[in-house]
Structures are given as structure tokens and as C-alpha cells.
């Protein structure tokens, strides 16, 4: 049997980035689902999504420049 050591925990979710911010918003009953505003959705059946909030890293936002593997892959919405 191999032993495993967990050295930390991190979360990147639609609610927030970071364990404390995500957990507090989850306990408060907040949702990560929001209206899509980053691209045109007039021809799509679904107009809500759960995307990760980007920003400067404050207030639970995700700053890809502050992370080692900050590459994001954009996905084309299903039509």
C-alpha cells in the first residue's frame, strides 16, 4: 500500500476561486449559474452557464496570470 500526503486544497469553481470563498458562498446558498453575457446567445436554446469568474484575484475571482498553469481552453457552445 502506498501512502499519500495531501499538502493543500484549492478550488476553482463558478462560485468563487479558493476554498474559503467557495465554501462560504455554498453555505449561503448562492449559485454559480448566471446569464451568459460574454457572447451572443440569441440563437441558443440555453442562455445560462456556470463559468469561472475571472478578475484580478480579489473577491473570489480567478486571475490566470497568478497561477502556474493558467491556460484556458475556450469551448464552443453547443447549438
PDB file of N, CA and C in Angstrom:
ATOM      1  N   UNK A   1       0.836  -1.168   0.000  1.00  0.00           N
ATOM      2  CA  UNK A   1       0.000   0.000   0.000  1.00  0.00           C
ATOM      3  C   UNK A   1       0.893   1.247   0.000  1.00  0.00           C
ATOM      4  N   UNK A   2       0.541   2.203  -0.869  1.00  0.00           N
ATOM      5  CA  UNK A   2       1.281   3.460  -0.932  1.00  0.00           C
ATOM      6  C   UNK A   2       0.660   4.481  -0.003  1.00  0.00           C
ATOM      7  N   UNK A   3       1.487   5.296   0.576  1.00  0.00           N
ATOM      8  CA  UNK A   3       0.999   6.382   1.421  1.00  0.00           C
ATOM      9  C   UNK A   3       0.932   7.657   0.594  1.00  0.00           C
ATOM     10  N   UNK A   4      -0.083   8.431   0.851  1.00  0.00           N
ATOM     11  CA  UNK A   4      -0.290   9.681   0.127  1.00  0.00           C
ATOM     12  C   UNK A   4      -0.359  10.813   1.133  1.00  0.00           C
ATOM     13  N   UNK A   5       0.287  11.914   0.819  1.00  0.00           N
ATOM     14  CA  UNK A   5       0.253  13.092   1.677  1.00  0.00           C
ATOM     15  C   UNK A   5      -0.443  14.214   0.913  1.00  0.00           C
ATOM     16  N   UNK A   6      -1.507  14.732   1.463  1.00  0.00           N
ATOM     17  CA  UNK A   6      -2.210  15.863   0.862  1.00  0.00           C
ATOM     18  C   UNK A   6      -1.615  17.125   1.465  1.00  0.00           C
ATOM     19  N   UNK A   7      -1.047  17.963   0.605  1.00  0.00           N
ATOM     20  CA  UNK A   7      -0.337  19.143   1.094  1.00  0.00           C
ATOM     21  C   UNK A   7      -1.153  20.422   0.984  1.00  0.00           C
ATOM     22  N   UNK A   8      -2.297  20.347   0.343  1.00  0.00           N
ATOM     23  CA  UNK A   8      -3.104  21.548   0.222  1.00  0.00           C
ATOM     24  C   UNK A   8      -4.390  21.261  -0.518  1.00  0.00           C
ATOM     25  N   UNK A   9      -5.246  22.242  -0.543  1.00  0.00           N
ATOM     26  CA  UNK A   9      -6.528  22.109  -1.214  1.00  0.00           C
ATOM     27  C   UNK A   9      -6.818  23.422  -1.921  1.00  0.00           C
ATOM     28  N   UNK A  10      -7.251  23.327  -3.157  1.00  0.00           N
ATOM     29  CA  UNK A  10      -7.608  24.515  -3.900  1.00  0.00           C
ATOM     30  C   UNK A  10      -8.852  24.253  -4.719  1.00  0.00           C
ATOM     31  N   UNK A  11      -9.656  25.260  -4.889  1.00  0.00           N
ATOM     32  CA  UNK A  11     -10.875  25.131  -5.684  1.00  0.00           C
ATOM     33  C   UNK A  11     -10.956  26.257  -6.696  1.00  0.00           C
ATOM     34  N   UNK A  12     -11.342  25.914  -7.904  1.00  0.00           N
ATOM     35  CA  UNK A  12     -11.662  26.889  -8.939  1.00  0.00           C
ATOM     36  C   UNK A  12     -13.043  26.499  -9.434  1.00  0.00           C
ATOM     37  N   UNK A  13     -14.062  27.240  -9.013  1.00  0.00           N
ATOM     38  CA  UNK A  13     -15.450  26.889  -9.298  1.00  0.00           C
ATOM     39  C   UNK A  13     -16.210  28.105  -9.816  1.00  0.00           C
ATOM     40  N   UNK A  14     -17.411  27.896 -10.341  1.00  0.00           N
ATOM     41  CA  UNK A  14     -18.239  29.034 -10.742  1.00  0.00           C
ATOM     42  C   UNK A  14     -18.672  29.918  -9.570  1.00  0.00           C
ATOM     43  N   UNK A  15     -18.649  29.389  -8.354  1.00  0.00           N
ATOM     44  CA  UNK A  15     -18.996  30.209  -7.190  1.00  0.00           C
ATOM     45  C   UNK A  15     -17.889  31.192  -6.845  1.00  0.00           C
ATOM     46  N   UNK A  16     -16.666  30.693  -6.844  1.00  0.00           N
ATOM     47  CA  UNK A  16     -15.505  31.524  -6.479  1.00  0.00           C
ATOM     48  C   UNK A  16     -14.247  30.705  -6.691  1.00  0.00           C
ATOM     49  N   UNK A  17     -13.122  31.324  -6.457  1.00  0.00           N
ATOM     50  CA  UNK A  17     -11.838  30.630  -6.510  1.00  0.00           C
ATOM     51  C   UNK A  17     -11.237  30.689  -5.126  1.00  0.00           C
ATOM     52  N   UNK A  18     -10.867  29.529  -4.635  1.00  0.00           N
ATOM     53  CA  UNK A  18     -10.357  29.426  -3.280  1.00  0.00           C
ATOM     54  C   UNK A  18     -11.340  28.677  -2.403  1.00  0.00           C
ATOM     55  N   UNK A  19     -10.807  27.946  -1.461  1.00  0.00           N
ATOM     56  CA  UNK A  19     -11.633  27.103  -0.598  1.00  0.00           C
ATOM     57  C   UNK A  19     -12.583  27.937   0.257  1.00  0.00           C
ATOM     58  N   UNK A  20     -12.058  28.942   0.943  1.00  0.00           N
ATOM     59  CA  UNK A  20     -12.881  29.723   1.871  1.00  0.00           C
ATOM     60  C   UNK A  20     -14.004  30.466   1.155  1.00  0.00           C
ATOM     61  N   UNK A  21     -13.683  31.134   0.047  1.00  0.00           N
ATOM     62  CA  UNK A  21     -14.707  31.897  -0.683  1.00  0.00           C
ATOM     63  C   UNK A  21     -15.774  30.970  -1.264  1.00  0.00           C
ATOM     64  N   UNK A  22     -15.342  29.853  -1.842  1.00  0.00           N
ATOM     65  CA  UNK A  22     -16.304  28.907  -2.417  1.00  0.00           C
ATOM     66  C   UNK A  22     -17.189  28.319  -1.328  1.00  0.00           C
ATOM     67  N   UNK A  23     -16.600  27.887  -0.231  1.00  0.00           N
ATOM     68  CA  UNK A  23     -17.362  27.255   0.845  1.00  0.00           C
ATOM     69  C   UNK A  23     -18.372  28.218   1.462  1.00  0.00           C
ATOM     70  N   UNK A  24     -17.975  29.460   1.706  1.00  0.00           N
ATOM     71  CA  UNK A  24     -18.900  30.420   2.313  1.00  0.00           C
ATOM     72  C   UNK A  24     -20.064  30.742   1.382  1.00  0.00           C
ATOM     73  N   UNK A  25     -19.805  30.834   0.085  1.00  0.00           N
ATOM     74  CA  UNK A  25     -20.893  31.105  -0.865  1.00  0.00           C
ATOM     75  C   UNK A  25     -21.800  29.886  -1.018  1.00  0.00           C
ATOM     76  N   UNK A  26     -21.227  28.696  -0.931  1.00  0.00           N
ATOM     77  CA  UNK A  26     -22.022  27.471  -0.981  1.00  0.00           C
ATOM     78  C   UNK A  26     -22.945  27.389   0.230  1.00  0.00           C
ATOM     79  N   UNK A  27     -22.414  27.661   1.406  1.00  0.00           N
ATOM     80  CA  UNK A  27     -23.228  27.643   2.622  1.00  0.00           C
ATOM     81  C   UNK A  27     -24.303  28.731   2.623  1.00  0.00           C
ATOM     82  N   UNK A  28     -24.030  29.831   1.943  1.00  0.00           N
ATOM     83  CA  UNK A  28     -25.009  30.922   1.851  1.00  0.00           C
ATOM     84  C   UNK A  28     -26.099  30.635   0.811  1.00  0.00           C
ATOM     85  N   UNK A  29     -25.964  29.512   0.097  1.00  0.00           N
ATOM     86  CA  UNK A  29     -26.975  29.138  -0.892  1.00  0.00           C
ATOM     87  C   UNK A  29     -26.851  29.860  -2.218  1.00  0.00           C
ATOM     88  N   UNK A  30     -25.700  30.452  -2.481  1.00  0.00           N
ATOM     89  CA  UNK A  30     -25.508  31.148  -3.748  1.00  0.00           C
ATOM     90  C   UNK A  30     -25.310  30.151  -4.882  1.00  0.00           C
ATOM     91  N   UNK A  31     -25.609  30.595  -6.085  1.00  0.00           N
ATOM     92  CA  UNK A  31     -25.459  29.752  -7.270  1.00  0.00           C
ATOM     93  C   UNK A  31     -24.375  30.319  -8.165  1.00  0.00           C
ATOM     94  N   UNK A  32     -23.689  29.429  -8.857  1.00  0.00           N
ATOM     95  CA  UNK A  32     -22.684  29.852  -9.825  1.00  0.00           C
ATOM     96  C   UNK A  32     -23.271  30.057 -11.214  1.00  0.00           C
ATOM     97  N   UNK A  33     -24.552  29.735 -11.390  1.00  0.00           N
ATOM     98  CA  UNK A  33     -25.213  29.889 -12.693  1.00  0.00           C
ATOM     99  C   UNK A  33     -25.581  31.354 -12.911  1.00  0.00           C
ATOM    100  N   UNK A  34     -25.256  31.844 -14.087  1.00  0.00           N
ATOM    101  CA  UNK A  34     -25.545  33.238 -14.446  1.00  0.00           C
ATOM    102  C   UNK A  34     -25.947  33.329 -15.915  1.00  0.00           C
ATOM    103  N   UNK A  35     -26.568  34.418 -16.262  1.00  0.00           N
ATOM    104  CA  UNK A  35     -26.881  34.673 -17.663  1.00  0.00           C
ATOM    105  C   UNK A  35     -25.575  34.838 -18.433  1.00  0.00           C
ATOM    106  N   UNK A  36     -25.518  34.285 -19.635  1.00  0.00           N
ATOM    107  CA  UNK A  36     -24.328  34.412 -20.484  1.00  0.00           C
ATOM    108  C   UNK A  36     -24.297  35.824 -21.055  1.00  0.00           C
ATOM    109  N   UNK A  37     -23.187  36.510 -20.829  1.00  0.00           N
ATOM    110  CA  UNK A  37     -23.049  37.885 -21.315  1.00  0.00           C
ATOM    111  C   UNK A  37     -21.796  38.079 -22.162  1.00  0.00           C
ATOM    112  N   UNK A  38     -20.951  37.057 -22.265  1.00  0.00           N
ATOM    113  CA  UNK A  38     -19.669  37.212 -22.960  1.00  0.00           C
ATOM    114  C   UNK A  38     -19.755  36.998 -24.460  1.00  0.00           C
ATOM    115  N   UNK A  39     -20.877  36.429 -24.923  1.00  0.00           N
ATOM    116  CA  UNK A  39     -21.073  36.237 -26.356  1.00  0.00           C
ATOM    117  C   UNK A  39     -22.570  36.201 -26.636  1.00  0.00           C
ATOM    118  N   UNK A  40     -22.911  36.340 -27.900  1.00  0.00           N
ATOM    119  CA  UNK A  40     -24.309  36.396 -28.329  1.00  0.00           C
ATOM    120  C   UNK A  40     -24.965  35.021 -28.172  1.00  0.00           C
ATOM    121  N   UNK A  41     -26.139  34.988 -27.547  1.00  0.00           N
ATOM    122  CA  UNK A  41     -26.824  33.720 -27.288  1.00  0.00           C
ATOM    123  C   UNK A  41     -28.231  33.681 -27.895  1.00  0.00           C
ATOM    124  N   UNK A  42     -28.533  34.627 -28.765  1.00  0.00           N
ATOM    125  CA  UNK A  42     -29.881  34.705 -29.338  1.00  0.00           C
ATOM    126  C   UNK A  42     -30.305  33.420 -30.029  1.00  0.00           C
ATOM    127  N   UNK A  43     -29.391  32.721 -30.666  1.00  0.00           N
ATOM    128  CA  UNK A  43     -29.736  31.518 -31.415  1.00  0.00           C
ATOM    129  C   UNK A  43     -29.513  30.224 -30.616  1.00  0.00           C
ATOM    130  N   UNK A  44     -29.250  30.357 -29.306  1.00  0.00           N
ATOM    131  CA  UNK A  44     -29.029  29.178 -28.468  1.00  0.00           C
ATOM    132  C   UNK A  44     -30.256  28.892 -27.606  1.00  0.00           C
ATOM    133  N   UNK A  45     -30.513  27.624 -27.358  1.00  0.00           N
ATOM    134  CA  UNK A  45     -31.642  27.247 -26.511  1.00  0.00           C
ATOM    135  C   UNK A  45     -31.366  27.562 -25.039  1.00  0.00           C
ATOM    136  N   UNK A  46     -30.121  27.443 -24.628  1.00  0.00           N
ATOM    137  CA  UNK A  46     -29.743  27.693 -23.235  1.00  0.00           C
ATOM    138  C   UNK A  46     -29.000  29.017 -23.156  1.00  0.00           C
ATOM    139  N   UNK A  47     -29.411  29.864 -22.232  1.00  0.00           N
ATOM    140  CA  UNK A  47     -28.795  31.184 -22.121  1.00  0.00           C
ATOM    141  C   UNK A  47     -28.180  31.431 -20.754  1.00  0.00           C
ATOM    142  N   UNK A  48     -27.965  30.354 -20.010  1.00  0.00           N
ATOM    143  CA  UNK A  48     -27.287  30.458 -18.726  1.00  0.00           C
ATOM    144  C   UNK A  48     -26.087  29.513 -18.725  1.00  0.00           C
ATOM    145  N   UNK A  49     -25.113  29.810 -17.888  1.00  0.00           N
ATOM    146  CA  UNK A  49     -23.910  28.979 -17.807  1.00  0.00           C
ATOM    147  C   UNK A  49     -23.281  29.133 -16.429  1.00  0.00           C
ATOM    148  N   UNK A  50     -22.384  28.238 -16.121  1.00  0.00           N
ATOM    149  CA  UNK A  50     -21.611  28.292 -14.872  1.00  0.00           C
ATOM    150  C   UNK A  50     -20.147  28.444 -15.242  1.00  0.00           C
ATOM    151  N   UNK A  51     -19.726  29.666 -15.487  1.00  0.00           N
ATOM    152  CA  UNK A  51     -18.327  29.879 -15.841  1.00  0.00           C
ATOM    153  C   UNK A  51     -17.568  30.402 -14.627  1.00  0.00           C
ATOM    154  N   UNK A  52     -16.265  30.246 -14.657  1.00  0.00           N
ATOM    155  CA  UNK A  52     -15.410  30.675 -13.552  1.00  0.00           C
ATOM    156  C   UNK A  52     -15.228  32.183 -13.649  1.00  0.00           C
ATOM    157  N   UNK A  53     -15.502  32.910 -12.557  1.00  0.00           N
ATOM    158  CA  UNK A  53     -15.369  34.372 -12.609  1.00  0.00           C
ATOM    159  C   UNK A  53     -13.905  34.791 -12.695  1.00  0.00           C
ATOM    160  N   UNK A  54     -13.550  35.476 -13.752  1.00  0.00           N
ATOM    161  CA  UNK A  54     -12.171  35.961 -13.925  1.00  0.00           C
ATOM    162  C   UNK A  54     -12.050  37.376 -13.387  1.00  0.00           C
ATOM    163  N   UNK A  55     -10.870  37.680 -12.931  1.00  0.00           N
ATOM    164  CA  UNK A  55     -10.609  39.019 -12.417  1.00  0.00           C
ATOM    165  C   UNK A  55      -9.175  39.128 -11.967  1.00  0.00           C
ATOM    166  N   UNK A  56      -8.950  39.989 -10.990  1.00  0.00           N
ATOM    167  CA  UNK A  56      -7.585  40.215 -10.504  1.00  0.00           C
ATOM    168  C   UNK A  56      -7.234  39.344  -9.305  1.00  0.00           C
ATOM    169  N   UNK A  57      -8.104  38.401  -8.963  1.00  0.00           N
ATOM    170  CA  UNK A  57      -7.846  37.512  -7.847  1.00  0.00           C
ATOM    171  C   UNK A  57      -8.489  37.959  -6.551  1.00  0.00           C
ATOM    172  N   UNK A  58      -9.034  39.167  -6.540  1.00  0.00           N
ATOM    173  CA  UNK A  58      -9.712  39.629  -5.332  1.00  0.00           C
ATOM    174  C   UNK A  58     -11.172  39.179  -5.364  1.00  0.00           C
ATOM    175  N   UNK A  59     -11.779  39.138  -4.236  1.00  0.00           N
ATOM    176  CA  UNK A  59     -13.199  38.802  -4.090  1.00  0.00           C
ATOM    177  C   UNK A  59     -13.574  37.473  -4.735  1.00  0.00           C
ATOM    178  N   UNK A  60     -12.684  36.501  -4.664  1.00  0.00           N
ATOM    179  CA  UNK A  60     -13.002  35.172  -5.166  1.00  0.00           C
ATOM    180  C   UNK A  60     -12.915  34.999  -6.668  1.00  0.00           C
ATOM    181  N   UNK A  61     -12.350  35.959  -7.377  1.00  0.00           N
ATOM    182  CA  UNK A  61     -12.203  35.824  -8.823  1.00  0.00           C
ATOM    183  C   UNK A  61     -10.903  35.085  -9.148  1.00  0.00           C
ATOM    184  N   UNK A  62     -10.816  34.579 -10.363  1.00  0.00           N
ATOM    185  CA  UNK A  62      -9.654  33.820 -10.809  1.00  0.00           C
ATOM    186  C   UNK A  62      -8.777  34.690 -11.699  1.00  0.00           C
ATOM    187  N   UNK A  63      -7.511  34.790 -11.331  1.00  0.00           N
ATOM    188  CA  UNK A  63      -6.532  35.510 -12.141  1.00  0.00           C
ATOM    189  C   UNK A  63      -5.582  34.485 -12.749  1.00  0.00           C
ATOM    190  N   UNK A  64      -5.742  34.155 -14.054  1.00  0.00           N
ATOM    191  CA  UNK A  64      -4.887  33.133 -14.662  1.00  0.00           C
ATOM    192  C   UNK A  64      -3.411  33.496 -14.660  1.00  0.00           C
ATOM    193  N   UNK A  65      -3.082  34.764 -14.528  1.00  0.00           N
ATOM    194  CA  UNK A  65      -1.680  35.188 -14.507  1.00  0.00           C
ATOM    195  C   UNK A  65      -0.980  34.833 -13.199  1.00  0.00           C
ATOM    196  N   UNK A  66      -1.753  34.563 -12.161  1.00  0.00           N
ATOM    197  CA  UNK A  66      -1.166  34.249 -10.864  1.00  0.00           C
ATOM    198  C   UNK A  66      -0.997  32.749 -10.645  1.00  0.00           C
ATOM    199  N   UNK A  67      -1.364  31.954 -11.629  1.00  0.00           N
ATOM    200  CA  UNK A  67      -1.300  30.508 -11.471  1.00  0.00           C
ATOM    201  C   UNK A  67      -0.307  29.914 -12.455  1.00  0.00           C
ATOM    202  N   UNK A  68       0.320  28.855 -12.026  1.00  0.00           N
ATOM    203  CA  UNK A  68       1.349  28.192 -12.826  1.00  0.00           C
ATOM    204  C   UNK A  68       0.811  27.709 -14.165  1.00  0.00           C
ATOM    205  N   UNK A  69      -0.338  27.069 -14.134  1.00  0.00           N
ATOM    206  CA  UNK A  69      -0.945  26.539 -15.352  1.00  0.00           C
ATOM    207  C   UNK A  69      -2.202  27.343 -15.657  1.00  0.00           C
ATOM    208  N   UNK A  70      -2.034  28.566 -16.112  1.00  0.00           N
ATOM    209  CA  UNK A  70      -3.161  29.455 -16.335  1.00  0.00           C
ATOM    210  C   UNK A  70      -3.738  29.388 -17.731  1.00  0.00           C
ATOM    211  N   UNK A  71      -3.477  28.308 -18.453  1.00  0.00           N
ATOM    212  CA  UNK A  71      -4.012  28.192 -19.807  1.00  0.00           C
ATOM    213  C   UNK A  71      -5.492  27.855 -19.750  1.00  0.00           C
ATOM    214  N   UNK A  72      -6.280  28.595 -20.484  1.00  0.00           N
ATOM    215  CA  UNK A  72      -7.720  28.345 -20.561  1.00  0.00           C
ATOM    216  C   UNK A  72      -8.043  27.903 -21.973  1.00  0.00           C
ATOM    217  N   UNK A  73      -8.882  26.929 -22.072  1.00  0.00           N
ATOM    218  CA  UNK A  73      -9.358  26.494 -23.377  1.00  0.00           C
ATOM    219  C   UNK A  73     -10.799  26.937 -23.507  1.00  0.00           C
ATOM    220  N   UNK A  74     -11.084  27.651 -24.554  1.00  0.00           N
ATOM    221  CA  UNK A  74     -12.447  28.107 -24.794  1.00  0.00           C
ATOM    222  C   UNK A  74     -13.227  27.020 -25.505  1.00  0.00           C
ATOM    223  N   UNK A  75     -14.423  26.837 -25.096  1.00  0.00           N
ATOM    224  CA  UNK A  75     -15.272  25.806 -25.702  1.00  0.00           C
ATOM    225  C   UNK A  75     -16.388  26.481 -26.488  1.00  0.00           C
ATOM    226  N   UNK A  76     -16.649  25.978 -27.661  1.00  0.00           N
ATOM    227  CA  UNK A  76     -17.734  26.467 -28.493  1.00  0.00           C
ATOM    228  C   UNK A  76     -19.043  25.970 -27.892  1.00  0.00           C
ATOM    229  N   UNK A  77     -20.021  26.844 -27.703  1.00  0.00           N
ATOM    230  CA  UNK A  77     -21.299  26.397 -27.149  1.00  0.00           C
ATOM    231  C   UNK A  77     -22.009  25.431 -28.101  1.00  0.00           C
ATOM    232  N   UNK A  78     -22.688  24.463 -27.547  1.00  0.00           N
ATOM    233  CA  UNK A  78     -23.466  23.514 -28.366  1.00  0.00           C
ATOM    234  C   UNK A  78     -24.645  24.239 -28.981  1.00  0.00           C
ATOM    235  N   UNK A  79     -24.914  23.931 -30.206  1.00  0.00           N
ATOM    236  CA  UNK A  79     -26.056  24.582 -30.885  1.00  0.00           C
ATOM    237  C   UNK A  79     -27.172  23.612 -31.101  1.00  0.00           C
TER     238      UNK A  79
END
